[in-house]
Amino acid sequence: MTMPRILIPAFAFFVVASLAACVANSGKPSKSECIVMVGQPESGWVSRTSDDAHSITQVIHDLGYPMGGIAYGKRGEIYFQFSAKCEQREEMARKLMSTVYGSAAGSYTYKVDIVPGGDTISVSGPSWRDD
């Protein structure tokens, strides 16, 4: 018994489409590759320095940063999750904090080795592949 000719092109299409989806997804960064945690453990956490979330949001807009989400941690640390240029996430976070908080931002701690979980931020969407 031979396969009808219509099934072979359809099967080949699905195989090619599946491979293309895998390749496209593998080119996206993981969520954890796009997160920066900012804190200031020496003299209190960043959110205690300023409660003006509007200032941070405005600076993100003014700088044109690709922000996927922002969250405050239990101890007041701030998590930024970028939706693009993830390899530059620390530099973008430093520039953002410097613009909002001035020279005080130089004493903040910037961590990029973050695994998203219940205590961090984990925005989902087409910008990232699942961790």
N, C-alpha and C. Protein backbone atom coordinates (compact mmCIF):
# COMPACT_ATOMS: atom_id res chain seq x y z
N MET A 1 0.85 -1.17 0.00
CA MET A 1 0.00 0.00 0.00
C MET A 1 0.90 1.24 0.00
N THR A 2 0.62 2.13 -0.89
CA THR A 2 1.41 3.36 -0.97
C THR A 2 0.61 4.52 -0.39
N MET A 3 1.34 5.49 0.11
CA MET A 3 0.70 6.68 0.67
C MET A 3 0.21 7.56 -0.47
N PRO A 4 -0.96 8.13 -0.31
CA PRO A 4 -1.41 9.07 -1.34
C PRO A 4 -0.44 10.24 -1.43
N ARG A 5 -0.30 10.78 -2.61
CA ARG A 5 0.67 11.85 -2.85
C ARG A 5 0.38 13.10 -2.02
N ILE A 6 -0.83 13.37 -1.67
CA ILE A 6 -1.19 14.57 -0.89
C ILE A 6 -0.65 14.46 0.53
N LEU A 7 -0.61 13.29 1.11
CA LEU A 7 -0.15 13.12 2.49
C LEU A 7 1.35 13.36 2.62
N ILE A 8 2.13 13.03 1.63
CA ILE A 8 3.57 13.23 1.71
C ILE A 8 3.92 14.71 1.79
N PRO A 9 3.40 15.59 0.93
CA PRO A 9 3.70 17.02 1.08
C PRO A 9 3.18 17.58 2.40
N ALA A 10 2.01 17.14 2.85
CA ALA A 10 1.47 17.64 4.12
C ALA A 10 2.37 17.21 5.27
N PHE A 11 2.81 15.96 5.27
CA PHE A 11 3.71 15.47 6.31
C PHE A 11 5.03 16.25 6.28
N ALA A 12 5.57 16.47 5.11
CA ALA A 12 6.82 17.23 4.98
C ALA A 12 6.64 18.66 5.47
N PHE A 13 5.49 19.26 5.19
CA PHE A 13 5.21 20.62 5.67
C PHE A 13 5.24 20.66 7.19
N PHE A 14 4.58 19.71 7.85
CA PHE A 14 4.53 19.70 9.31
C PHE A 14 5.91 19.47 9.93
N VAL A 15 6.72 18.64 9.30
CA VAL A 15 8.07 18.42 9.79
C VAL A 15 8.90 19.70 9.67
N VAL A 16 8.83 20.34 8.53
CA VAL A 16 9.59 21.59 8.32
C VAL A 16 9.08 22.67 9.25
N ALA A 17 7.77 22.80 9.43
CA ALA A 17 7.20 23.81 10.32
C ALA A 17 7.63 23.57 11.76
N SER A 18 7.65 22.32 12.19
CA SER A 18 8.07 21.99 13.55
C SER A 18 9.54 22.34 13.76
N LEU A 19 10.37 22.02 12.80
CA LEU A 19 11.80 22.36 12.91
C LEU A 19 12.00 23.87 12.92
N ALA A 20 11.26 24.59 12.10
CA ALA A 20 11.38 26.06 12.07
C ALA A 20 10.97 26.66 13.40
N ALA A 21 9.93 26.13 14.02
CA ALA A 21 9.48 26.63 15.33
C ALA A 21 10.56 26.37 16.38
N CYS A 22 11.20 25.22 16.33
CA CYS A 22 12.26 24.92 17.30
C CYS A 22 13.44 25.87 17.12
N VAL A 23 13.83 26.11 15.89
CA VAL A 23 14.95 27.01 15.61
C VAL A 23 14.61 28.43 16.07
N ALA A 24 13.41 28.89 15.77
CA ALA A 24 13.00 30.24 16.16
C ALA A 24 12.98 30.38 17.68
N ASN A 25 12.49 29.36 18.38
CA ASN A 25 12.42 29.39 19.83
C ASN A 25 13.80 29.32 20.46
N SER A 26 14.72 28.57 19.85
CA SER A 26 16.05 28.43 20.43
C SER A 26 16.85 29.72 20.32
N GLY A 27 16.48 30.62 19.42
CA GLY A 27 17.17 31.89 19.27
C GLY A 27 16.74 32.92 20.31
N LYS A 28 15.67 32.64 21.01
CA LYS A 28 15.18 33.57 22.03
C LYS A 28 15.92 33.32 23.34
N PRO A 29 16.13 34.38 24.12
CA PRO A 29 16.76 34.17 25.43
C PRO A 29 15.77 33.54 26.40
N SER A 30 16.29 32.89 27.43
CA SER A 30 15.41 32.39 28.48
C SER A 30 15.02 33.57 29.37
N LYS A 31 13.99 33.38 30.16
CA LYS A 31 13.55 34.45 31.06
C LYS A 31 14.67 34.84 32.02
N SER A 32 15.40 33.84 32.53
CA SER A 32 16.46 34.14 33.50
C SER A 32 17.62 34.91 32.88
N GLU A 33 17.79 34.81 31.57
CA GLU A 33 18.86 35.55 30.89
C GLU A 33 18.50 37.02 30.69
N CYS A 34 17.30 37.41 31.09
CA CYS A 34 16.82 38.78 30.87
C CYS A 34 16.52 39.52 32.17
N ILE A 35 16.83 38.90 33.31
CA ILE A 35 16.48 39.49 34.61
C ILE A 35 17.71 40.07 35.30
N VAL A 36 17.52 41.23 35.94
CA VAL A 36 18.53 41.86 36.78
C VAL A 36 17.88 42.17 38.12
N MET A 37 18.57 41.83 39.21
CA MET A 37 18.11 42.20 40.54
C MET A 37 18.98 43.37 41.00
N VAL A 38 18.32 44.42 41.50
CA VAL A 38 19.04 45.59 41.99
C VAL A 38 18.69 45.77 43.45
N GLY A 39 19.71 45.88 44.29
CA GLY A 39 19.50 46.11 45.71
C GLY A 39 20.60 46.97 46.28
N GLN A 40 20.42 47.39 47.51
CA GLN A 40 21.42 48.19 48.21
C GLN A 40 21.48 47.70 49.65
N PRO A 41 22.18 46.59 49.91
CA PRO A 41 22.16 45.98 51.23
C PRO A 41 22.85 46.80 52.33
N GLU A 42 23.76 47.68 51.97
CA GLU A 42 24.52 48.40 53.00
C GLU A 42 23.65 49.37 53.80
N SER A 43 22.73 50.07 53.14
CA SER A 43 21.97 51.10 53.86
C SER A 43 20.47 51.02 53.56
N GLY A 44 20.00 49.82 53.39
CA GLY A 44 18.58 49.66 53.08
C GLY A 44 18.39 49.36 51.61
N TRP A 45 17.28 48.74 51.28
CA TRP A 45 17.04 48.32 49.92
C TRP A 45 16.53 49.46 49.07
N VAL A 46 16.62 49.30 47.80
CA VAL A 46 16.31 50.36 46.84
C VAL A 46 14.90 50.90 47.03
N SER A 47 13.91 50.05 47.23
CA SER A 47 12.53 50.55 47.32
C SER A 47 12.35 51.43 48.55
N ARG A 48 13.23 51.33 49.52
CA ARG A 48 13.15 52.23 50.67
C ARG A 48 13.79 53.57 50.35
N THR A 49 14.61 53.60 49.32
CA THR A 49 15.26 54.84 48.90
C THR A 49 14.24 55.77 48.26
N SER A 50 13.34 55.20 47.48
CA SER A 50 12.33 56.01 46.80
C SER A 50 11.12 55.14 46.50
N ASP A 51 9.97 55.67 46.76
CA ASP A 51 8.74 54.95 46.43
C ASP A 51 8.16 55.43 45.11
N ASP A 52 8.92 56.17 44.35
CA ASP A 52 8.41 56.77 43.13
C ASP A 52 8.58 55.83 41.94
N ALA A 53 7.68 54.86 41.84
CA ALA A 53 7.72 53.92 40.72
C ALA A 53 7.46 54.64 39.40
N HIS A 54 6.73 55.73 39.45
CA HIS A 54 6.46 56.51 38.24
C HIS A 54 7.77 57.02 37.63
N SER A 55 8.72 57.45 38.48
CA SER A 55 10.02 57.94 37.97
C SER A 55 10.74 56.84 37.20
N ILE A 56 10.75 55.64 37.75
CA ILE A 56 11.42 54.52 37.08
C ILE A 56 10.73 54.24 35.75
N THR A 57 9.41 54.19 35.75
CA THR A 57 8.66 53.92 34.53
C THR A 57 8.92 54.99 33.48
N GLN A 58 8.96 56.24 33.90
CA GLN A 58 9.20 57.34 32.96
C GLN A 58 10.60 57.24 32.35
N VAL A 59 11.60 56.92 33.17
CA VAL A 59 12.97 56.80 32.66
C VAL A 59 13.09 55.63 31.69
N ILE A 60 12.43 54.52 31.99
CA ILE A 60 12.43 53.38 31.06
C ILE A 60 11.89 53.84 29.71
N HIS A 61 10.80 54.57 29.74
CA HIS A 61 10.21 55.09 28.50
C HIS A 61 11.16 56.05 27.81
N ASP A 62 11.73 57.00 28.56
CA ASP A 62 12.63 58.01 27.98
C ASP A 62 13.87 57.39 27.35
N LEU A 63 14.41 56.34 27.99
CA LEU A 63 15.61 55.68 27.47
C LEU A 63 15.27 54.70 26.35
N GLY A 64 14.00 54.39 26.18
CA GLY A 64 13.59 53.46 25.12
C GLY A 64 13.98 52.02 25.42
N TYR A 65 14.04 51.67 26.69
CA TYR A 65 14.45 50.31 27.05
C TYR A 65 13.32 49.31 26.82
N PRO A 66 13.67 48.11 26.36
CA PRO A 66 12.68 47.07 26.11
C PRO A 66 12.32 46.33 27.41
N MET A 67 11.46 46.92 28.22
CA MET A 67 11.13 46.36 29.52
C MET A 67 9.95 45.41 29.40
N GLY A 68 10.15 44.22 29.93
CA GLY A 68 9.08 43.23 29.95
C GLY A 68 8.28 43.29 31.23
N GLY A 69 8.95 43.63 32.34
CA GLY A 69 8.26 43.70 33.62
C GLY A 69 9.17 44.18 34.72
N ILE A 70 8.56 44.65 35.80
CA ILE A 70 9.27 45.13 36.98
C ILE A 70 8.56 44.56 38.20
N ALA A 71 9.33 44.17 39.22
CA ALA A 71 8.73 43.68 40.47
C ALA A 71 9.63 44.06 41.63
N TYR A 72 9.01 44.28 42.78
CA TYR A 72 9.75 44.49 44.02
C TYR A 72 9.74 43.20 44.81
N GLY A 73 10.91 42.81 45.34
CA GLY A 73 11.01 41.61 46.14
C GLY A 73 10.59 41.87 47.57
N LYS A 74 10.54 40.81 48.34
CA LYS A 74 10.10 40.89 49.74
C LYS A 74 10.99 41.80 50.58
N ARG A 75 12.27 41.87 50.26
CA ARG A 75 13.20 42.70 51.03
C ARG A 75 13.41 44.06 50.39
N GLY A 76 12.61 44.38 49.37
CA GLY A 76 12.70 45.69 48.74
C GLY A 76 13.58 45.76 47.51
N GLU A 77 14.19 44.66 47.13
CA GLU A 77 14.99 44.68 45.92
C GLU A 77 14.07 44.85 44.71
N ILE A 78 14.63 45.33 43.62
CA ILE A 78 13.87 45.53 42.40
C ILE A 78 14.36 44.53 41.35
N TYR A 79 13.44 43.89 40.67
CA TYR A 79 13.75 42.99 39.57
C TYR A 79 13.27 43.61 38.28
N PHE A 80 14.17 43.69 37.30
CA PHE A 80 13.82 44.15 35.96
C PHE A 80 13.94 42.96 35.03
N GLN A 81 12.94 42.75 34.19
CA GLN A 81 13.00 41.70 33.18
C GLN A 81 12.86 42.38 31.82
N PHE A 82 13.94 42.35 31.05
CA PHE A 82 13.96 42.99 29.75
C PHE A 82 13.39 42.04 28.69
N SER A 83 12.80 42.60 27.65
CA SER A 83 12.20 41.78 26.60
C SER A 83 13.08 41.69 25.36
N ALA A 84 14.22 42.37 25.36
CA ALA A 84 15.18 42.33 24.25
C ALA A 84 16.52 42.84 24.78
N LYS A 85 17.57 42.65 24.00
CA LYS A 85 18.92 43.10 24.38
C LYS A 85 19.33 42.55 25.75
N CYS A 86 18.95 41.31 26.03
CA CYS A 86 19.18 40.73 27.35
C CYS A 86 20.66 40.63 27.72
N GLU A 87 21.52 40.51 26.71
CA GLU A 87 22.95 40.45 27.00
C GLU A 87 23.46 41.78 27.56
N GLN A 88 22.68 42.84 27.40
CA GLN A 88 23.04 44.17 27.92
C GLN A 88 22.22 44.54 29.16
N ARG A 89 21.59 43.56 29.79
CA ARG A 89 20.66 43.84 30.89
C ARG A 89 21.30 44.55 32.07
N GLU A 90 22.51 44.18 32.43
CA GLU A 90 23.15 44.86 33.56
C GLU A 90 23.47 46.31 33.23
N GLU A 91 23.99 46.55 32.04
CA GLU A 91 24.31 47.93 31.64
C GLU A 91 23.05 48.79 31.59
N MET A 92 21.95 48.21 31.06
CA MET A 92 20.71 48.97 31.01
C MET A 92 20.19 49.27 32.41
N ALA A 93 20.27 48.28 33.31
CA ALA A 93 19.80 48.49 34.69
C ALA A 93 20.65 49.56 35.38
N ARG A 94 21.96 49.52 35.18
CA ARG A 94 22.84 50.54 35.80
C ARG A 94 22.51 51.94 35.28
N LYS A 95 22.31 52.08 33.98
CA LYS A 95 21.98 53.38 33.40
C LYS A 95 20.62 53.86 33.91
N LEU A 96 19.66 52.97 33.97
CA LEU A 96 18.33 53.29 34.47
C LEU A 96 18.39 53.78 35.91
N MET A 97 19.07 53.04 36.77
CA MET A 97 19.14 53.41 38.18
C MET A 97 19.94 54.69 38.37
N SER A 98 20.99 54.87 37.60
CA SER A 98 21.78 56.09 37.67
C SER A 98 20.95 57.30 37.27
N THR A 99 20.13 57.14 36.26
CA THR A 99 19.28 58.24 35.81
C THR A 99 18.25 58.60 36.87
N VAL A 100 17.69 57.60 37.55
CA VAL A 100 16.66 57.85 38.55
C VAL A 100 17.26 58.31 39.88
N TYR A 101 18.32 57.64 40.34
CA TYR A 101 18.85 57.87 41.69
C TYR A 101 20.18 58.61 41.74
N GLY A 102 20.72 58.97 40.60
CA GLY A 102 21.97 59.71 40.57
C GLY A 102 23.15 58.89 41.05
N SER A 103 24.09 59.55 41.71
CA SER A 103 25.33 58.88 42.13
C SER A 103 25.09 57.79 43.17
N ALA A 104 23.96 57.81 43.87
CA ALA A 104 23.66 56.76 44.86
C ALA A 104 23.58 55.38 44.20
N ALA A 105 23.23 55.34 42.93
CA ALA A 105 23.08 54.07 42.22
C ALA A 105 24.40 53.32 42.08
N GLY A 106 25.52 54.04 42.20
CA GLY A 106 26.82 53.38 42.12
C GLY A 106 27.08 52.41 43.25
N SER A 107 26.40 52.58 44.38
CA SER A 107 26.60 51.68 45.51
C SER A 107 25.62 50.51 45.52
N TYR A 108 24.71 50.46 44.55
CA TYR A 108 23.73 49.37 44.50
C TYR A 108 24.40 48.09 44.03
N THR A 109 23.80 46.98 44.38
CA THR A 109 24.24 45.66 43.95
C THR A 109 23.41 45.26 42.73
N TYR A 110 24.08 44.81 41.68
CA TYR A 110 23.41 44.37 40.45
C TYR A 110 23.74 42.90 40.25
N LYS A 111 22.72 42.05 40.24
CA LYS A 111 22.93 40.61 40.07
C LYS A 111 22.20 40.14 38.82
N VAL A 112 22.90 39.41 37.99
CA VAL A 112 22.29 38.89 36.76
C VAL A 112 22.13 37.37 36.78
N ASP A 113 22.64 36.71 37.79
CA ASP A 113 22.52 35.25 37.87
C ASP A 113 21.25 34.89 38.66
N ILE A 114 20.12 35.30 38.12
CA ILE A 114 18.83 35.15 38.78
C ILE A 114 18.04 34.03 38.10
N VAL A 115 17.44 33.15 38.90
CA VAL A 115 16.54 32.14 38.37
C VAL A 115 15.14 32.56 38.78
N PRO A 116 14.26 32.81 37.81
CA PRO A 116 12.92 33.28 38.17
C PRO A 116 12.17 32.27 39.02
N GLY A 117 11.49 32.77 39.99
CA GLY A 117 10.70 31.93 40.88
C GLY A 117 9.68 32.78 41.61
N GLY A 118 9.13 32.23 42.69
CA GLY A 118 8.11 32.92 43.44
C GLY A 118 8.58 34.21 44.07
N ASP A 119 9.88 34.33 44.35
CA ASP A 119 10.40 35.53 44.99
C ASP A 119 10.98 36.54 44.01
N THR A 120 10.95 36.24 42.72
CA THR A 120 11.52 37.15 41.72
C THR A 120 10.43 37.61 40.78
N ILE A 121 10.79 37.72 39.54
CA ILE A 121 9.85 38.10 38.49
C ILE A 121 9.96 37.07 37.38
N SER A 122 8.86 36.75 36.79
CA SER A 122 8.88 35.81 35.68
C SER A 122 7.73 36.13 34.74
N VAL A 123 7.92 37.15 33.95
CA VAL A 123 6.93 37.53 32.96
C VAL A 123 7.05 36.55 31.80
N SER A 124 5.93 36.08 31.30
CA SER A 124 5.93 35.16 30.17
C SER A 124 5.51 35.89 28.91
N GLY A 125 5.86 35.34 27.78
CA GLY A 125 5.44 35.93 26.53
C GLY A 125 6.34 35.52 25.40
N PRO A 126 6.10 36.07 24.22
CA PRO A 126 6.83 35.66 23.02
C PRO A 126 8.28 36.12 22.99
N SER A 127 8.71 36.99 23.92
CA SER A 127 10.08 37.48 23.92
C SER A 127 11.07 36.47 24.47
N TRP A 128 10.59 35.47 25.23
CA TRP A 128 11.49 34.54 25.91
C TRP A 128 11.08 33.10 25.66
N ARG A 129 12.04 32.21 25.77
CA ARG A 129 11.72 30.80 25.79
C ARG A 129 11.57 30.40 27.26
N ASP A 130 10.89 29.32 27.52
CA ASP A 130 10.72 28.86 28.89
C ASP A 130 12.06 28.41 29.46
N ASP A 131 12.27 28.66 30.75
CA ASP A 131 13.51 28.19 31.41
C ASP A 131 13.46 26.71 31.64
